[in-house]
Structures are given as structure tokens and as C-alpha cells.
Amino acid sequence: MFVTVRDNNVDQALRVLKKKMQREGLFREMKNRRNYEKPSERRARENAESTRRVRKLMRKRMEREGF
């Protein structure tokens, strides 16, 4: 991943880089890899994340459709 610096504006380039890293999920990945996570804990976390995503989608769908 790279960002071009225009007119010696390093602050703007850093902002763009951080936004790209956020979009790619690198910050979340670094946070998750900070400590070792047992495979069973990883599966439990991923299942919980999946459930949260599905519930959020269902909530939005219900608001849209009005049921």
C-alpha cells in the first residue's frame, strides 16, 4: 500500500494512508494479533460477530419494510 505526497503535504498523505488502512481493516487485524487467541476463542468471537451483523441487517430490514 502506498500514498503519494503532493506539494510536501505529509499531513494530508498520512490522513489518506490512515483512511486506506482503516478501510482494509489493518487496525482491527493488528489489535486482534496483539495477544494470542486460542482457536476456540476465535471461533466464538467470529460467531458472535456474525450474529451481530445478521441482527443488525434484520433490524434495518424491519425498519425499511415496516413489519
Protein backbone atom coordinates (compact mmCIF):
# COMPACT_ATOMS: atom_id res chain seq x y z
CA MET A 1 0.00 0.00 0.00
CA PHE A 2 1.40 3.40 -0.90
CA VAL A 3 0.35 7.05 -0.88
CA THR A 4 1.85 9.83 -2.95
CA VAL A 5 2.89 13.03 -1.18
CA ARG A 6 1.93 16.12 -3.13
CA ASP A 7 3.49 19.55 -2.53
CA ASN A 8 5.35 18.29 0.57
CA ASN A 9 1.97 17.90 2.33
CA VAL A 10 2.86 14.96 4.58
CA ASP A 11 -0.12 15.52 6.91
CA GLN A 12 -2.59 15.06 4.08
CA ALA A 13 -0.75 11.94 2.89
CA LEU A 14 -0.85 10.47 6.41
CA ARG A 15 -4.57 11.14 6.61
CA VAL A 16 -5.12 9.35 3.30
CA LEU A 17 -2.93 6.43 4.41
CA LYS A 18 -4.81 6.04 7.70
CA LYS A 19 -8.12 6.07 5.86
CA LYS A 20 -6.89 3.36 3.46
CA MET A 21 -5.63 1.24 6.33
CA GLN A 22 -8.95 1.64 8.15
CA ARG A 23 -10.87 0.58 5.04
CA GLU A 24 -8.69 -2.51 4.63
CA GLY A 25 -9.17 -3.50 8.29
CA LEU A 26 -5.49 -3.38 9.20
CA PHE A 27 -6.04 -1.64 12.54
CA ARG A 28 -8.54 -4.29 13.63
CA GLU A 29 -6.16 -7.02 12.49
CA MET A 30 -3.26 -5.53 14.48
CA LYS A 31 -5.46 -5.26 17.56
CA ASN A 32 -6.55 -8.89 17.23
CA ARG A 33 -2.97 -10.12 16.79
CA ARG A 34 -1.65 -8.23 19.80
CA ASN A 35 -2.34 -11.27 22.01
CA TYR A 36 -2.58 -14.93 21.13
CA GLU A 37 -6.13 -16.09 20.63
CA LYS A 38 -7.00 -19.74 21.07
CA PRO A 39 -8.79 -21.28 18.09
CA SER A 40 -11.91 -21.94 20.19
CA GLU A 41 -11.97 -18.28 21.30
CA ARG A 42 -11.53 -17.19 17.69
CA ARG A 43 -14.47 -19.31 16.55
CA ALA A 44 -16.64 -17.96 19.37
CA ARG A 45 -15.70 -14.36 18.52
CA GLU A 46 -16.35 -14.85 14.81
CA ASN A 47 -19.72 -16.47 15.54
CA ALA A 48 -20.67 -13.57 17.81
CA GLU A 49 -19.62 -11.03 15.15
CA SER A 50 -21.65 -12.89 12.55
CA THR A 51 -24.71 -12.94 14.81
CA ARG A 52 -24.36 -9.21 15.46
CA ARG A 53 -24.11 -8.50 11.73
CA VAL A 54 -27.19 -10.58 10.94
CA ARG A 55 -29.23 -8.95 13.71
CA LYS A 56 -28.24 -5.51 12.52
CA LEU A 57 -29.27 -6.34 8.94
CA MET A 58 -32.59 -7.79 10.14
CA ARG A 59 -33.24 -4.69 12.27
CA LYS A 60 -32.61 -2.42 9.28
CA ARG A 61 -34.76 -4.59 7.02
CA MET A 62 -37.63 -4.49 9.53
CA GLU A 63 -37.41 -0.68 9.74
CA ARG A 64 -37.46 -0.40 5.95
CA GLU A 65 -40.30 -2.84 5.36
CA GLY A 66 -42.28 -1.76 8.43
CA PHE A 67 -43.17 -5.19 9.85
